[in-house]
Amino acid sequence: MNDTSLTSASEFAAAAAAAAGLPATAGTSAQSIRVLVVDDSAFVRKVVREMLTRSALIDVVGVARDGEEALKLVEDLRPDVVTCDLLMPQLDGVNFVRRQMARRAVPILILTATPQDASLAIEALEAGAVDFVQKPTALATEELLGIRQELVEKVRAAARAPIANLGRLPRPVQPAAPLERVTGTGQARIEVVVIGVSTGGPQALRHLLPLLPANFPVPIAIVLHMPVGYTLLMAEKLNEISALTVTEAKDGDVLRPGMALLAAAGRHLFLRRNRHGELCAALAVQPLDHLHRPSVDVLFQSAAEVLHDRVLGVVLTGMGEDGKAGAAWIKAQGGTVLTEAESSCIIYGMPRAVEEAGLSDAAVPLPDLARAIIERL
């Protein structure tokens, strides 16, 4: 990449900053988030650094060309957050995450180029990375700079992640025991569990779902914020470790006890009744006025409209407020809402929004959440 192209990249970044109402340069302050940028491409290192330092809240304290160099710089520079490429010589992104988390936990954001890297990206999350940002190729300058807002938001969120919760969630040691049937409680029977989760979601779901038994008496529908091309593989990986049957949702799927449907990225997941009266999945691009597609709010609202007070909503770790409006729909119909407690969240955003709105029936730490769900069935 020649100097002209690099200057052009700087101009693009400056224009993006001006459009966002941010200063063209950022001075370092005592409150700045210290970031280490790791990528084998000099172009990407430069542009990512440009994008991050346009924020007055972020200071890029160093760059590394591969995972080996990054391991040394993490110890020398003590960054608050690391952004890391997946495919690098010497030591790739997945193994860097594994080795770094074994040494000392630090929030790591993965930058991944294409959905073809989905398997590696999910491995990095399983190893302890906080989240990932999908980037285009290094030559697609305008597209690369288009991820700036998402990257800055995720760096800021990652910097707030409790170190104790990164990559340290206990794993179930044996399959969940079958449930004994209990009847005659006098309470409205829950007919579906709907789950909403975002940043930290793969880790949370890997912990929660294996604790639910194969004879779980109701179906589960899940919205996890991920880019297109990643949810099918995520469902397959969750299915491998769970007694439940976990699949990516398809239009018309009938929801049955013991199964969990993961919403397909790029389309909203609705719950509907088919002509036989069975609860089924419906997928649609609309509505378009939601920040996320799929949206937790859309799933929760559709469940409440169909099943009224027989819905149990669960809001787990994640950035933002998706799920708050949906939780309000569930509560308005007489349903129940649980939120993950702050103590176990990687990002305490979505659960906080629900709790502060007075919509949570209980805030439960992730290790206790499976039991709390089962008790309410």
Protein backbone atom coordinates (compact mmCIF):
# COMPACT_ATOMS: atom_id res chain seq x y z
CA MET A 1 0.00 0.00 0.00
CA ASN A 2 1.59 3.30 -1.07
CA ASP A 3 1.71 6.58 0.87
CA THR A 4 -1.12 8.05 -1.21
CA SER A 5 -3.46 5.26 -0.13
CA LEU A 6 -2.51 5.69 3.50
CA THR A 7 -3.15 9.41 3.32
CA SER A 8 -6.51 8.61 1.76
CA ALA A 9 -7.26 6.30 4.69
CA SER A 10 -6.50 9.13 7.08
CA GLU A 11 -8.79 11.46 5.18
CA PHE A 12 -11.58 8.89 5.29
CA ALA A 13 -11.13 8.52 9.05
CA ALA A 14 -11.15 12.28 9.55
CA ALA A 15 -14.34 12.58 7.52
CA ALA A 16 -15.95 9.79 9.55
CA ALA A 17 -14.98 11.55 12.77
CA ALA A 18 -16.41 14.85 11.55
CA ALA A 19 -19.66 13.18 10.55
CA ALA A 20 -19.93 11.63 14.00
CA GLY A 21 -19.25 14.96 15.70
CA LEU A 22 -15.93 13.75 17.16
CA PRO A 23 -12.64 15.66 17.29
CA ALA A 24 -10.17 15.05 14.48
CA THR A 25 -7.50 14.05 17.00
CA ALA A 26 -7.63 12.64 20.46
CA GLY A 27 -5.33 13.54 23.30
CA THR A 28 -4.44 10.99 25.92
CA SER A 29 -6.09 11.50 29.29
CA ALA A 30 -5.98 9.65 32.58
CA GLN A 31 -9.34 8.09 31.68
CA SER A 32 -8.33 6.95 28.20
CA ILE A 33 -8.82 3.30 27.29
CA ARG A 34 -5.38 1.88 26.47
CA VAL A 35 -5.57 -0.36 23.39
CA LEU A 36 -3.05 -2.69 21.76
CA VAL A 37 -3.73 -3.34 18.04
CA VAL A 38 -2.58 -6.72 16.69
CA ASP A 39 -2.64 -7.48 12.95
CA ASP A 40 -0.14 -8.83 10.45
CA SER A 41 -1.21 -6.21 7.87
CA ALA A 42 0.55 -2.85 8.21
CA PHE A 43 -2.37 -1.23 6.40
CA VAL A 44 -4.96 -2.63 8.79
CA ARG A 45 -2.84 -1.73 11.82
CA LYS A 46 -2.63 1.85 10.59
CA VAL A 47 -6.32 2.21 9.75
CA VAL A 48 -7.55 0.56 12.96
CA ARG A 49 -5.25 2.86 14.91
CA GLU A 50 -6.60 5.85 12.98
CA MET A 51 -10.18 4.85 13.72
CA LEU A 52 -9.66 4.26 17.42
CA THR A 53 -7.60 7.37 18.15
CA ARG A 54 -10.29 9.59 16.64
CA SER A 55 -12.15 8.90 19.87
CA ALA A 56 -11.08 11.09 22.77
CA LEU A 57 -11.69 8.13 25.07
CA ILE A 58 -9.22 5.75 23.41
CA ASP A 59 -5.42 5.75 23.24
CA VAL A 60 -3.61 3.16 21.08
CA VAL A 61 -0.52 2.42 23.14
CA GLY A 62 1.08 -0.05 20.74
CA VAL A 63 0.80 -2.32 17.71
CA ALA A 64 1.94 -5.90 17.13
CA ARG A 65 2.40 -7.94 13.96
CA ASP A 66 1.49 -11.34 15.38
CA GLY A 67 0.45 -13.13 18.53
CA GLU A 68 3.98 -13.75 19.78
CA GLU A 69 4.81 -10.05 19.69
CA ALA A 70 1.42 -9.27 21.23
CA LEU A 71 2.07 -11.54 24.23
CA LYS A 72 5.21 -9.56 25.04
CA LEU A 73 3.59 -6.17 24.50
CA VAL A 74 0.60 -7.03 26.70
CA GLU A 75 3.02 -7.58 29.57
CA ASP A 76 5.09 -4.49 28.78
CA LEU A 77 2.24 -2.06 28.05
CA ARG A 78 -0.62 -3.44 30.19
CA PRO A 79 -3.39 -2.37 27.76
CA ASP A 80 -7.03 -2.24 28.85
CA VAL A 81 -8.20 -3.87 25.59
CA VAL A 82 -6.53 -5.79 22.76
CA THR A 83 -7.90 -5.88 19.19
CA CYS A 84 -6.57 -8.94 17.41
CA ASP A 85 -6.65 -10.35 13.90
CA LEU A 86 -7.49 -14.04 13.50
CA LEU A 87 -5.13 -15.16 10.74
CA MET A 88 -1.50 -14.27 11.49
CA PRO A 89 1.92 -15.94 11.13
CA GLN A 90 3.90 -17.21 14.14
CA LEU A 91 0.91 -17.23 16.51
CA ASP A 92 -2.67 -16.81 15.25
CA GLY A 93 -5.54 -15.05 16.99
CA VAL A 94 -7.12 -18.14 18.57
CA ASN A 95 -3.89 -19.35 20.13
CA PHE A 96 -2.96 -15.84 21.22
CA VAL A 97 -6.27 -15.65 23.13
CA ARG A 98 -5.65 -19.06 24.73
CA ARG A 99 -2.11 -18.23 25.82
CA GLN A 100 -2.92 -14.74 26.99
CA MET A 101 -5.95 -15.81 29.02
CA ALA A 102 -3.85 -18.56 30.63
CA ARG A 103 -1.30 -15.92 31.65
CA ARG A 104 -3.54 -13.02 32.64
CA ALA A 105 -7.09 -12.22 31.58
CA VAL A 106 -7.48 -9.13 29.41
CA PRO A 107 -10.45 -8.06 27.24
CA ILE A 108 -9.72 -9.13 23.66
CA LEU A 109 -11.74 -8.16 20.58
CA ILE A 110 -11.26 -10.32 17.50
CA LEU A 111 -11.20 -8.71 14.03
CA THR A 112 -12.29 -11.26 11.45
CA ALA A 113 -12.40 -10.80 7.69
CA THR A 114 -15.12 -13.11 6.35
CA PRO A 115 -17.79 -15.60 7.45
CA GLN A 116 -15.39 -18.29 6.20
CA ASP A 117 -13.47 -17.58 9.40
CA ALA A 118 -16.56 -18.26 11.54
CA SER A 119 -15.18 -21.45 13.06
CA LEU A 120 -11.99 -19.71 14.18
CA ALA A 121 -13.89 -16.67 15.46
CA ILE A 122 -16.13 -18.87 17.61
CA GLU A 123 -13.07 -20.78 18.87
CA ALA A 124 -11.58 -17.46 19.95
CA LEU A 125 -14.79 -16.59 21.83
CA GLU A 126 -14.75 -19.99 23.51
CA ALA A 127 -11.14 -19.35 24.51
CA GLY A 128 -12.13 -16.13 26.27
CA ALA A 129 -12.32 -13.31 23.71
CA VAL A 130 -15.05 -10.80 24.57
CA ASP A 131 -16.51 -10.28 21.09
CA PHE A 132 -15.58 -9.90 17.45
CA VAL A 133 -15.97 -7.31 14.73
CA GLN A 134 -16.29 -8.44 11.14
CA LYS A 135 -13.98 -6.49 8.86
CA PRO A 136 -13.71 -6.48 5.06
CA THR A 137 -10.45 -7.09 3.23
CA ALA A 138 -7.57 -4.67 3.70
CA LEU A 139 -8.09 -3.28 0.20
CA ALA A 140 -11.70 -2.26 0.81
CA THR A 141 -10.75 1.05 2.42
CA GLU A 142 -14.19 2.65 2.63
CA GLU A 143 -15.78 -0.54 3.98
CA LEU A 144 -13.01 -0.98 6.53
CA LEU A 145 -13.54 2.52 7.85
CA GLY A 146 -17.27 1.81 7.94
CA ILE A 147 -16.76 -0.46 10.96
CA ARG A 148 -15.36 2.44 12.99
CA GLN A 149 -18.43 3.16 15.09
CA GLU A 150 -18.99 -0.50 15.94
CA LEU A 151 -15.32 -0.98 16.77
CA VAL A 152 -15.19 2.05 19.08
CA GLU A 153 -18.40 1.00 20.85
CA LYS A 154 -17.14 -2.54 21.39
CA VAL A 155 -13.74 -1.36 22.64
CA ARG A 156 -15.45 0.90 25.14
CA ALA A 157 -17.74 -1.94 26.26
CA ALA A 158 -14.86 -4.42 26.49
CA ALA A 159 -12.91 -2.04 28.70
CA ARG A 160 -15.75 -2.24 31.23
CA ALA A 161 -15.89 -6.05 31.25
CA PRO A 162 -15.08 -7.51 34.69
CA ILE A 163 -11.74 -9.28 34.37
CA ALA A 164 -12.92 -12.05 36.71
CA ASN A 165 -15.67 -13.02 34.23
CA LEU A 166 -13.44 -13.34 31.15
CA GLY A 167 -12.96 -16.95 30.10
CA ARG A 168 -13.49 -18.15 33.66
CA LEU A 169 -17.08 -19.44 33.60
CA PRO A 170 -17.29 -22.95 35.09
CA ARG A 171 -18.12 -25.70 32.62
CA PRO A 172 -20.75 -28.33 33.45
CA VAL A 173 -18.95 -31.57 34.33
CA GLN A 174 -21.79 -33.93 33.45
CA PRO A 175 -25.08 -33.83 31.53
CA ALA A 176 -28.03 -32.34 33.35
CA ALA A 177 -30.20 -34.91 35.14
CA PRO A 178 -33.67 -35.53 33.65
CA LEU A 179 -36.47 -33.52 35.20
CA GLU A 180 -39.17 -35.11 37.30
CA ARG A 181 -42.62 -34.07 36.19
CA VAL A 182 -44.42 -31.84 38.69
CA THR A 183 -48.10 -31.03 38.24
CA GLY A 184 -50.89 -29.39 40.18
CA THR A 185 -49.01 -26.23 41.21
CA GLY A 186 -51.98 -24.01 40.43
CA GLN A 187 -49.79 -21.64 38.41
CA ALA A 188 -49.99 -20.82 34.72
CA ARG A 189 -47.86 -23.31 32.82
CA ILE A 190 -44.89 -21.83 30.94
CA GLU A 191 -45.05 -22.92 27.30
CA VAL A 192 -41.86 -21.35 25.93
CA VAL A 193 -38.58 -19.90 27.20
CA VAL A 194 -37.24 -17.01 25.10
CA ILE A 195 -33.64 -15.88 25.58
CA GLY A 196 -31.95 -12.68 24.45
CA VAL A 197 -28.17 -12.22 24.57
CA SER A 198 -25.41 -10.25 22.87
CA THR A 199 -21.78 -9.55 23.82
CA GLY A 200 -20.54 -12.48 25.87
CA GLY A 201 -23.44 -14.54 24.58
CA PRO A 202 -21.56 -17.53 23.14
CA GLN A 203 -19.81 -18.02 26.47
CA ALA A 204 -23.05 -17.62 28.44
CA LEU A 205 -24.98 -20.04 26.23
CA ARG A 206 -22.17 -22.59 26.40
CA HIS A 207 -22.60 -22.56 30.15
CA LEU A 208 -26.40 -22.39 30.39
CA LEU A 209 -27.70 -24.82 27.77
CA PRO A 210 -25.76 -27.92 28.93
CA LEU A 211 -27.36 -27.49 32.35
CA LEU A 212 -30.83 -28.04 30.84
CA PRO A 213 -31.85 -31.70 30.45
CA ALA A 214 -32.94 -33.52 27.32
CA ASN A 215 -36.49 -33.80 28.68
CA PHE A 216 -36.77 -30.05 29.23
CA PRO A 217 -40.56 -29.70 29.06
CA VAL A 218 -40.87 -26.63 26.79
CA PRO A 219 -39.11 -25.30 23.69
CA ILE A 220 -36.53 -22.53 23.80
CA ALA A 221 -36.05 -19.72 21.27
CA ILE A 222 -32.86 -17.66 21.34
CA VAL A 223 -31.71 -14.39 19.79
CA LEU A 224 -27.93 -13.94 19.85
CA HIS A 225 -26.48 -10.88 18.11
CA MET A 226 -24.02 -12.20 15.52
CA PRO A 227 -23.19 -11.28 11.91
CA VAL A 228 -24.65 -13.22 9.00
CA GLY A 229 -22.79 -16.47 8.43
CA TYR A 230 -22.04 -17.28 12.06
CA THR A 231 -25.26 -18.47 13.70
CA LEU A 232 -25.50 -21.84 11.91
CA LEU A 233 -22.07 -22.87 13.17
CA MET A 234 -22.84 -21.48 16.62
CA ALA A 235 -25.99 -23.62 16.78
CA GLU A 236 -24.02 -26.69 15.73
CA LYS A 237 -21.40 -26.11 18.42
CA LEU A 238 -24.05 -25.61 21.10
CA ASN A 239 -25.80 -28.78 19.95
CA GLU A 240 -22.57 -30.75 20.41
CA ILE A 241 -22.30 -29.89 24.11
CA SER A 242 -25.98 -29.88 25.06
CA ALA A 243 -28.54 -32.59 25.79
CA LEU A 244 -31.06 -30.32 24.07
CA THR A 245 -31.46 -30.36 20.29
CA VAL A 246 -30.05 -26.99 19.20
CA THR A 247 -30.53 -25.83 15.61
CA GLU A 248 -30.55 -22.60 13.63
CA ALA A 249 -34.17 -21.53 13.14
CA LYS A 250 -35.79 -22.10 9.75
CA ASP A 251 -39.07 -20.64 8.61
CA GLY A 252 -41.89 -22.95 9.63
CA ASP A 253 -39.94 -24.94 12.24
CA VAL A 254 -42.31 -26.39 14.83
CA LEU A 255 -41.12 -25.75 18.38
CA ARG A 256 -41.17 -28.83 20.58
CA PRO A 257 -40.02 -29.64 24.14
CA GLY A 258 -36.31 -30.37 24.46
CA MET A 259 -35.31 -28.23 21.49
CA ALA A 260 -33.69 -24.82 21.25
CA LEU A 261 -33.90 -22.65 18.12
CA LEU A 262 -31.18 -20.06 17.54
CA ALA A 263 -32.37 -17.13 15.39
CA ALA A 264 -30.62 -16.89 12.02
CA ALA A 265 -28.51 -13.75 11.68
CA GLY A 266 -29.99 -11.18 9.31
CA ARG A 267 -33.66 -12.05 9.94
CA HIS A 268 -36.01 -11.53 12.85
CA LEU A 269 -37.40 -14.58 14.61
CA PHE A 270 -41.15 -14.51 15.38
CA LEU A 271 -43.24 -17.13 17.16
CA ARG A 272 -46.56 -17.91 15.47
CA ARG A 273 -49.26 -20.58 15.38
CA ASN A 274 -49.48 -22.66 12.20
CA ARG A 275 -52.76 -23.89 10.75
CA HIS A 276 -52.60 -26.93 13.03
CA GLY A 277 -52.29 -24.71 16.10
CA GLU A 278 -48.65 -25.67 16.66
CA LEU A 279 -46.12 -23.11 17.87
CA CYS A 280 -43.72 -22.46 15.01
CA ALA A 281 -40.94 -20.14 13.86
CA ALA A 282 -41.42 -17.40 11.29
CA LEU A 283 -38.46 -15.48 9.84
CA ALA A 284 -38.64 -12.02 8.24
CA VAL A 285 -36.39 -9.09 7.40
CA GLN A 286 -39.01 -6.59 8.57
CA PRO A 287 -39.42 -4.60 10.74
CA LEU A 288 -36.46 -2.53 9.60
CA ASP A 289 -36.50 0.02 12.43
CA HIS A 290 -34.50 -2.10 14.88
CA LEU A 291 -30.80 -1.70 15.57
CA HIS A 292 -30.34 -5.47 15.50
CA ARG A 293 -31.65 -8.13 13.14
CA PRO A 294 -32.60 -10.47 14.73
CA SER A 295 -33.94 -8.40 17.59
CA VAL A 296 -34.64 -9.66 21.09
CA ASP A 297 -37.54 -7.23 21.30
CA VAL A 298 -39.20 -8.75 18.22
CA LEU A 299 -38.91 -12.31 19.55
CA PHE A 300 -40.15 -11.41 23.02
CA GLN A 301 -43.10 -9.38 21.73
CA SER A 302 -44.21 -12.13 19.35
CA ALA A 303 -44.03 -14.71 22.13
CA ALA A 304 -46.12 -12.53 24.43
CA GLU A 305 -48.71 -11.90 21.74
CA VAL A 306 -49.15 -15.62 21.06
CA LEU A 307 -48.74 -17.17 24.50
CA HIS A 308 -49.65 -14.29 26.83
CA ASP A 309 -48.73 -15.15 30.45
CA ARG A 310 -47.17 -18.51 29.51
CA VAL A 311 -43.83 -16.97 28.48
CA LEU A 312 -40.57 -16.95 30.43
CA GLY A 313 -38.13 -14.36 29.08
CA VAL A 314 -34.44 -14.44 29.97
CA VAL A 315 -32.05 -11.54 29.25
CA LEU A 316 -28.35 -12.34 29.42
CA THR A 317 -25.11 -10.40 29.02
CA GLY A 318 -24.88 -7.86 26.21
CA MET A 319 -24.44 -4.26 25.10
CA GLY A 320 -27.34 -1.87 24.70
CA GLU A 321 -31.05 -2.15 25.49
CA ASP A 322 -32.39 -4.78 23.09
CA GLY A 323 -34.83 -6.84 25.13
CA LYS A 324 -36.16 -4.04 27.34
CA ALA A 325 -39.19 -3.29 25.17
CA GLY A 326 -39.76 -7.01 24.64
CA ALA A 327 -39.59 -7.64 28.38
CA ALA A 328 -42.27 -4.97 28.82
CA TRP A 329 -44.52 -6.89 26.41
CA ILE A 330 -44.00 -10.12 28.35
CA LYS A 331 -44.73 -8.44 31.68
CA ALA A 332 -47.81 -6.66 30.30
CA GLN A 333 -49.24 -10.07 29.35
CA GLY A 334 -48.52 -11.52 32.80
CA GLY A 335 -45.39 -13.46 31.86
CA THR A 336 -42.12 -13.76 33.76
CA VAL A 337 -38.72 -12.18 33.05
CA LEU A 338 -35.36 -13.19 34.50
CA THR A 339 -32.12 -11.26 34.02
CA GLU A 340 -28.52 -12.29 34.45
CA ALA A 341 -27.03 -10.72 37.56
CA GLU A 342 -24.29 -8.13 37.14
CA SER A 343 -21.86 -10.34 39.04
CA SER A 344 -21.57 -12.85 36.18
CA CYS A 345 -22.13 -10.63 33.11
CA ILE A 346 -19.31 -9.92 30.68
CA ILE A 347 -21.21 -6.79 29.59
CA TYR A 348 -23.91 -5.61 32.00
CA GLY A 349 -25.95 -3.63 29.47
CA MET A 350 -29.07 -5.46 28.34
CA PRO A 351 -29.86 -6.95 31.77
CA ARG A 352 -29.28 -3.58 33.40
CA ALA A 353 -31.76 -1.90 31.03
CA VAL A 354 -34.45 -4.46 31.92
CA GLU A 355 -33.78 -4.30 35.65
CA GLU A 356 -33.68 -0.51 35.83
CA ALA A 357 -37.03 -0.40 34.01
CA GLY A 358 -38.51 -2.53 36.79
CA LEU A 359 -39.22 -5.44 34.43
CA SER A 360 -37.08 -8.18 35.99
CA ASP A 361 -38.69 -10.67 38.37
CA ALA A 362 -35.25 -11.79 39.54
CA ALA A 363 -31.58 -11.12 38.76
CA VAL A 364 -29.75 -14.45 38.86
CA PRO A 365 -26.01 -15.21 38.45
CA LEU A 366 -25.33 -17.37 35.42
CA PRO A 367 -24.27 -20.49 37.40
CA ASP A 368 -27.71 -20.49 39.10
CA LEU A 369 -29.79 -19.53 36.09
CA ALA A 370 -30.64 -23.03 34.82
CA ARG A 371 -32.09 -23.92 38.21
CA ALA A 372 -34.03 -20.64 38.35
CA ILE A 373 -35.52 -21.36 34.91
CA ILE A 374 -36.48 -24.91 35.83
CA GLU A 375 -38.09 -23.79 39.09
CA ARG A 376 -40.39 -21.45 37.17
CA LEU A 377 -41.63 -24.21 34.88
